[in-house]
Amino acid sequence: MPTPARLRDSTEILLPKTAIEGIREELEERFMLTILAEDCRVRIIGSPVEIKGASDFLARNGVAIE
């Protein structure tokens, strides 16, 4: 049985707000995601397949994901 933390890791990405400036529109066009703005960060939520694709896209655009 997967743990909640493991499921969360495969369905969301947390980044500083500035990390997706200039690529947010393309990110939303390419992938079925929900992007929530919080205080100083964004929470990108999607299915494991969409999150994997979005993660690869972000990496290709120089966004480091920890």
PDB file of N, CA and C in Angstrom:
ATOM      1  N   MET A   1       0.842  -1.182   0.000  1.00  0.00           N
ATOM      2  CA  MET A   1       0.000   0.000   0.000  1.00  0.00           C
ATOM      3  C   MET A   1       0.886   1.244   0.000  1.00  0.00           C
ATOM      4  N   PRO A   2       0.679   2.174  -0.941  1.00  0.00           N
ATOM      5  CA  PRO A   2       1.499   3.383  -0.964  1.00  0.00           C
ATOM      6  C   PRO A   2       1.183   4.301   0.221  1.00  0.00           C
ATOM      7  N   THR A   3       2.186   5.020   0.642  1.00  0.00           N
ATOM      8  CA  THR A   3       1.997   5.972   1.737  1.00  0.00           C
ATOM      9  C   THR A   3       1.462   7.292   1.183  1.00  0.00           C
ATOM     10  N   PRO A   4       0.791   8.092   2.015  1.00  0.00           N
ATOM     11  CA  PRO A   4       0.304   9.390   1.544  1.00  0.00           C
ATOM     12  C   PRO A   4       1.426  10.276   0.989  1.00  0.00           C
ATOM     13  N   ALA A   5       2.580  10.268   1.618  1.00  0.00           N
ATOM     14  CA  ALA A   5       3.689  11.092   1.145  1.00  0.00           C
ATOM     15  C   ALA A   5       4.130  10.669  -0.248  1.00  0.00           C
ATOM     16  N   ARG A   6       4.177   9.373  -0.481  1.00  0.00           N
ATOM     17  CA  ARG A   6       4.582   8.872  -1.805  1.00  0.00           C
ATOM     18  C   ARG A   6       3.552   9.258  -2.874  1.00  0.00           C
ATOM     19  N   LEU A   7       2.272   9.133  -2.543  1.00  0.00           N
ATOM     20  CA  LEU A   7       1.238   9.549  -3.489  1.00  0.00           C
ATOM     21  C   LEU A   7       1.319  11.040  -3.775  1.00  0.00           C
ATOM     22  N   ARG A   8       1.540  11.835  -2.751  1.00  0.00           N
ATOM     23  CA  ARG A   8       1.647  13.281  -2.906  1.00  0.00           C
ATOM     24  C   ARG A   8       2.823  13.628  -3.803  1.00  0.00           C
ATOM     25  N   ASP A   9       3.945  12.949  -3.625  1.00  0.00           N
ATOM     26  CA  ASP A   9       5.123  13.206  -4.452  1.00  0.00           C
ATOM     27  C   ASP A   9       4.854  12.929  -5.923  1.00  0.00           C
ATOM     28  N   SER A  10       3.969  11.996  -6.215  1.00  0.00           N
ATOM     29  CA  SER A  10       3.697  11.659  -7.604  1.00  0.00           C
ATOM     30  C   SER A  10       2.541  12.455  -8.198  1.00  0.00           C
ATOM     31  N   THR A  11       1.889  13.292  -7.390  1.00  0.00           N
ATOM     32  CA  THR A  11       0.743  14.052  -7.906  1.00  0.00           C
ATOM     33  C   THR A  11       0.860  15.563  -7.714  1.00  0.00           C
ATOM     34  N   GLU A  12       1.966  16.032  -7.156  1.00  0.00           N
ATOM     35  CA  GLU A  12       2.116  17.480  -7.014  1.00  0.00           C
ATOM     36  C   GLU A  12       3.578  17.894  -7.003  1.00  0.00           C
ATOM     37  N   ILE A  13       3.773  19.152  -7.394  1.00  0.00           N
ATOM     38  CA  ILE A  13       5.099  19.770  -7.385  1.00  0.00           C
ATOM     39  C   ILE A  13       4.946  21.099  -6.650  1.00  0.00           C
ATOM     40  N   LEU A  14       5.826  21.377  -5.719  1.00  0.00           N
ATOM     41  CA  LEU A  14       5.847  22.660  -5.017  1.00  0.00           C
ATOM     42  C   LEU A  14       7.072  23.440  -5.481  1.00  0.00           C
ATOM     43  N   LEU A  15       6.849  24.687  -5.885  1.00  0.00           N
ATOM     44  CA  LEU A  15       7.936  25.536  -6.377  1.00  0.00           C
ATOM     45  C   LEU A  15       7.742  26.964  -5.906  1.00  0.00           C
ATOM     46  N   PRO A  16       8.825  27.749  -5.877  1.00  0.00           N
ATOM     47  CA  PRO A  16       8.658  29.183  -5.628  1.00  0.00           C
ATOM     48  C   PRO A  16       7.838  29.791  -6.772  1.00  0.00           C
ATOM     49  N   LYS A  17       7.036  30.811  -6.487  1.00  0.00           N
ATOM     50  CA  LYS A  17       6.203  31.444  -7.508  1.00  0.00           C
ATOM     51  C   LYS A  17       7.011  31.859  -8.733  1.00  0.00           C
ATOM     52  N   THR A  18       8.205  32.355  -8.489  1.00  0.00           N
ATOM     53  CA  THR A  18       9.010  32.875  -9.595  1.00  0.00           C
ATOM     54  C   THR A  18       9.527  31.786 -10.523  1.00  0.00           C
ATOM     55  N   ALA A  19       9.489  30.533 -10.094  1.00  0.00           N
ATOM     56  CA  ALA A  19      10.055  29.438 -10.884  1.00  0.00           C
ATOM     57  C   ALA A  19       9.335  29.221 -12.209  1.00  0.00           C
ATOM     58  N   ILE A  20       8.031  29.527 -12.262  1.00  0.00           N
ATOM     59  CA  ILE A  20       7.309  29.265 -13.508  1.00  0.00           C
ATOM     60  C   ILE A  20       6.935  30.542 -14.263  1.00  0.00           C
ATOM     61  N   GLU A  21       7.496  31.665 -13.846  1.00  0.00           N
ATOM     62  CA  GLU A  21       7.244  32.906 -14.567  1.00  0.00           C
ATOM     63  C   GLU A  21       7.736  32.756 -16.000  1.00  0.00           C
ATOM     64  N   GLY A  22       6.922  33.143 -16.935  1.00  0.00           N
ATOM     65  CA  GLY A  22       7.289  33.074 -18.337  1.00  0.00           C
ATOM     66  C   GLY A  22       6.980  31.739 -19.006  1.00  0.00           C
ATOM     67  N   ILE A  23       6.685  30.695 -18.225  1.00  0.00           N
ATOM     68  CA  ILE A  23       6.357  29.400 -18.819  1.00  0.00           C
ATOM     69  C   ILE A  23       5.039  28.835 -18.294  1.00  0.00           C
ATOM     70  N   ARG A  24       4.388  29.570 -17.415  1.00  0.00           N
ATOM     71  CA  ARG A  24       3.140  29.058 -16.828  1.00  0.00           C
ATOM     72  C   ARG A  24       2.081  28.777 -17.889  1.00  0.00           C
ATOM     73  N   GLU A  25       1.894  29.699 -18.832  1.00  0.00           N
ATOM     74  CA  GLU A  25       0.871  29.505 -19.862  1.00  0.00           C
ATOM     75  C   GLU A  25       1.141  28.253 -20.681  1.00  0.00           C
ATOM     76  N   GLU A  26       2.376  28.063 -21.109  1.00  0.00           N
ATOM     77  CA  GLU A  26       2.718  26.881 -21.888  1.00  0.00           C
ATOM     78  C   GLU A  26       2.532  25.610 -21.057  1.00  0.00           C
ATOM     79  N   LEU A  27       2.899  25.679 -19.794  1.00  0.00           N
ATOM     80  CA  LEU A  27       2.725  24.542 -18.892  1.00  0.00           C
ATOM     81  C   LEU A  27       1.243  24.155 -18.809  1.00  0.00           C
ATOM     82  N   GLU A  28       0.382  25.151 -18.663  1.00  0.00           N
ATOM     83  CA  GLU A  28      -1.055  24.894 -18.566  1.00  0.00           C
ATOM     84  C   GLU A  28      -1.641  24.414 -19.897  1.00  0.00           C
ATOM     85  N   GLU A  29      -1.084  24.860 -21.019  1.00  0.00           N
ATOM     86  CA  GLU A  29      -1.565  24.425 -22.328  1.00  0.00           C
ATOM     87  C   GLU A  29      -1.171  22.982 -22.624  1.00  0.00           C
ATOM     88  N   ARG A  30       0.028  22.590 -22.239  1.00  0.00           N
ATOM     89  CA  ARG A  30       0.554  21.263 -22.560  1.00  0.00           C
ATOM     90  C   ARG A  30       0.020  20.155 -21.655  1.00  0.00           C
ATOM     91  N   PHE A  31      -0.294  20.495 -20.406  1.00  0.00           N
ATOM     92  CA  PHE A  31      -0.631  19.472 -19.420  1.00  0.00           C
ATOM     93  C   PHE A  31      -1.942  19.808 -18.716  1.00  0.00           C
ATOM     94  N   MET A  32      -2.655  18.768 -18.293  1.00  0.00           N
ATOM     95  CA  MET A  32      -3.891  18.926 -17.526  1.00  0.00           C
ATOM     96  C   MET A  32      -3.504  19.058 -16.052  1.00  0.00           C
ATOM     97  N   LEU A  33      -3.345  20.292 -15.607  1.00  0.00           N
ATOM     98  CA  LEU A  33      -2.859  20.561 -14.256  1.00  0.00           C
ATOM     99  C   LEU A  33      -3.739  21.586 -13.569  1.00  0.00           C
ATOM    100  N   THR A  34      -3.674  21.592 -12.263  1.00  0.00           N
ATOM    101  CA  THR A  34      -4.222  22.668 -11.455  1.00  0.00           C
ATOM    102  C   THR A  34      -3.033  23.364 -10.827  1.00  0.00           C
ATOM    103  N   ILE A  35      -2.956  24.677 -11.008  1.00  0.00           N
ATOM    104  CA  ILE A  35      -1.846  25.447 -10.430  1.00  0.00           C
ATOM    105  C   ILE A  35      -2.434  26.410  -9.414  1.00  0.00           C
ATOM    106  N   LEU A  36      -2.066  26.196  -8.157  1.00  0.00           N
ATOM    107  CA  LEU A  36      -2.576  27.012  -7.055  1.00  0.00           C
ATOM    108  C   LEU A  36      -1.465  27.916  -6.547  1.00  0.00           C
ATOM    109  N   ALA A  37      -1.743  29.210  -6.504  1.00  0.00           N
ATOM    110  CA  ALA A  37      -0.788  30.162  -5.950  1.00  0.00           C
ATOM    111  C   ALA A  37      -0.993  30.234  -4.445  1.00  0.00           C
ATOM    112  N   GLU A  38       0.072  30.028  -3.710  1.00  0.00           N
ATOM    113  CA  GLU A  38       0.048  30.160  -2.257  1.00  0.00           C
ATOM    114  C   GLU A  38       0.939  31.349  -1.908  1.00  0.00           C
ATOM    115  N   ASP A  39       1.258  31.556  -0.648  1.00  0.00           N
ATOM    116  CA  ASP A  39       2.004  32.728  -0.217  1.00  0.00           C
ATOM    117  C   ASP A  39       3.189  33.050  -1.124  1.00  0.00           C
ATOM    118  N   CYS A  40       4.209  32.258  -1.075  1.00  0.00           N
ATOM    119  CA  CYS A  40       5.405  32.542  -1.870  1.00  0.00           C
ATOM    120  C   CYS A  40       5.752  31.381  -2.795  1.00  0.00           C
ATOM    121  N   ARG A  41       4.779  30.496  -3.017  1.00  0.00           N
ATOM    122  CA  ARG A  41       5.048  29.343  -3.870  1.00  0.00           C
ATOM    123  C   ARG A  41       3.805  28.979  -4.682  1.00  0.00           C
ATOM    124  N   VAL A  42       4.006  28.068  -5.628  1.00  0.00           N
ATOM    125  CA  VAL A  42       2.889  27.509  -6.385  1.00  0.00           C
ATOM    126  C   VAL A  42       2.858  26.010  -6.142  1.00  0.00           C
ATOM    127  N   ARG A  43       1.666  25.496  -6.138  1.00  0.00           N
ATOM    128  CA  ARG A  43       1.445  24.050  -5.998  1.00  0.00           C
ATOM    129  C   ARG A  43       0.853  23.590  -7.321  1.00  0.00           C
ATOM    130  N   ILE A  44       1.570  22.711  -8.011  1.00  0.00           N
ATOM    131  CA  ILE A  44       1.125  22.167  -9.287  1.00  0.00           C
ATOM    132  C   ILE A  44       0.601  20.764  -9.012  1.00  0.00           C
ATOM    133  N   ILE A  45      -0.669  20.542  -9.332  1.00  0.00           N
ATOM    134  CA  ILE A  45      -1.328  19.283  -9.006  1.00  0.00           C
ATOM    135  C   ILE A  45      -1.849  18.628 -10.285  1.00  0.00           C
ATOM    136  N   GLY A  46      -1.650  17.319 -10.383  1.00  0.00           N
ATOM    137  CA  GLY A  46      -2.151  16.582 -11.533  1.00  0.00           C
ATOM    138  C   GLY A  46      -1.995  15.091 -11.317  1.00  0.00           C
ATOM    139  N   SER A  47      -2.383  14.336 -12.324  1.00  0.00           N
ATOM    140  CA  SER A  47      -2.223  12.879 -12.243  1.00  0.00           C
ATOM    141  C   SER A  47      -0.732  12.555 -12.279  1.00  0.00           C
ATOM    142  N   PRO A  48      -0.354  11.360 -11.850  1.00  0.00           N
ATOM    143  CA  PRO A  48       1.061  10.993 -11.903  1.00  0.00           C
ATOM    144  C   PRO A  48       1.668  11.129 -13.305  1.00  0.00           C
ATOM    145  N   VAL A  49       0.904  10.789 -14.338  1.00  0.00           N
ATOM    146  CA  VAL A  49       1.406  10.917 -15.716  1.00  0.00           C
ATOM    147  C   VAL A  49       1.618  12.383 -16.072  1.00  0.00           C
ATOM    148  N   GLU A  50       0.666  13.234 -15.741  1.00  0.00           N
ATOM    149  CA  GLU A  50       0.785  14.670 -16.047  1.00  0.00           C
ATOM    150  C   GLU A  50       1.914  15.308 -15.239  1.00  0.00           C
ATOM    151  N   ILE A  51       2.051  14.931 -13.978  1.00  0.00           N
ATOM    152  CA  ILE A  51       3.121  15.479 -13.145  1.00  0.00           C
ATOM    153  C   ILE A  51       4.489  15.070 -13.694  1.00  0.00           C
ATOM    154  N   LYS A  52       4.617  13.841 -14.148  1.00  0.00           N
ATOM    155  CA  LYS A  52       5.880  13.391 -14.731  1.00  0.00           C
ATOM    156  C   LYS A  52       6.209  14.215 -15.975  1.00  0.00           C
ATOM    157  N   GLY A  53       5.240  14.400 -16.850  1.00  0.00           N
ATOM    158  CA  GLY A  53       5.448  15.210 -18.045  1.00  0.00           C
ATOM    159  C   GLY A  53       5.775  16.659 -17.707  1.00  0.00           C
ATOM    160  N   ALA A  54       5.046  17.211 -16.744  1.00  0.00           N
ATOM    161  CA  ALA A  54       5.289  18.592 -16.323  1.00  0.00           C
ATOM    162  C   ALA A  54       6.670  18.732 -15.692  1.00  0.00           C
ATOM    163  N   SER A  55       7.067  17.750 -14.911  1.00  0.00           N
ATOM    164  CA  SER A  55       8.394  17.756 -14.285  1.00  0.00           C
ATOM    165  C   SER A  55       9.487  17.749 -15.349  1.00  0.00           C
ATOM    166  N   ASP A  56       9.329  16.904 -16.365  1.00  0.00           N
ATOM    167  CA  ASP A  56      10.300  16.862 -17.463  1.00  0.00           C
ATOM    168  C   ASP A  56      10.327  18.192 -18.211  1.00  0.00           C
ATOM    169  N   PHE A  57       9.158  18.769 -18.471  1.00  0.00           N
ATOM    170  CA  PHE A  57       9.059  20.066 -19.139  1.00  0.00           C
ATOM    171  C   PHE A  57       9.761  21.143 -18.331  1.00  0.00           C
ATOM    172  N   LEU A  58       9.500  21.173 -17.032  1.00  0.00           N
ATOM    173  CA  LEU A  58      10.133  22.165 -16.173  1.00  0.00           C
ATOM    174  C   LEU A  58      11.648  22.012 -16.176  1.00  0.00           C
ATOM    175  N   ALA A  59      12.111  20.778 -16.105  1.00  0.00           N
ATOM    176  CA  ALA A  59      13.558  20.525 -16.114  1.00  0.00           C
ATOM    177  C   ALA A  59      14.181  21.009 -17.420  1.00  0.00           C
ATOM    178  N   ARG A  60      13.519  20.766 -18.543  1.00  0.00           N
ATOM    179  CA  ARG A  60      14.032  21.229 -19.843  1.00  0.00           C
ATOM    180  C   ARG A  60      14.078  22.753 -19.914  1.00  0.00           C
ATOM    181  N   ASN A  61      13.263  23.407 -19.106  1.00  0.00           N
ATOM    182  CA  ASN A  61      13.229  24.866 -19.087  1.00  0.00           C
ATOM    183  C   ASN A  61      14.038  25.452 -17.927  1.00  0.00           C
ATOM    184  N   GLY A  62      14.898  24.641 -17.332  1.00  0.00           N
ATOM    185  CA  GLY A  62      15.814  25.135 -16.314  1.00  0.00           C
ATOM    186  C   GLY A  62      15.254  25.274 -14.915  1.00  0.00           C
ATOM    187  N   VAL A  63      14.096  24.681 -14.657  1.00  0.00           N
ATOM    188  CA  VAL A  63      13.505  24.757 -13.322  1.00  0.00           C
ATOM    189  C   VAL A  63      13.926  23.529 -12.538  1.00  0.00           C
ATOM    190  N   ALA A  64      14.642  23.758 -11.453  1.00  0.00           N
ATOM    191  CA  ALA A  64      15.108  22.653 -10.598  1.00  0.00           C
ATOM    192  C   ALA A  64      13.982  22.191  -9.686  1.00  0.00           C
ATOM    193  N   ILE A  65      13.736  20.889  -9.697  1.00  0.00           N
ATOM    194  CA  ILE A  65      12.701  20.302  -8.846  1.00  0.00           C
ATOM    195  C   ILE A  65      13.397  19.409  -7.835  1.00  0.00           C
ATOM    196  N   GLU A  66      13.133  19.668  -6.559  1.00  0.00           N
ATOM    197  CA  GLU A  66      13.771  18.899  -5.484  1.00  0.00           C
ATOM    198  C   GLU A  66      12.893  17.788  -5.010  1.00  0.00           C
TER     199      GLU A  66
END
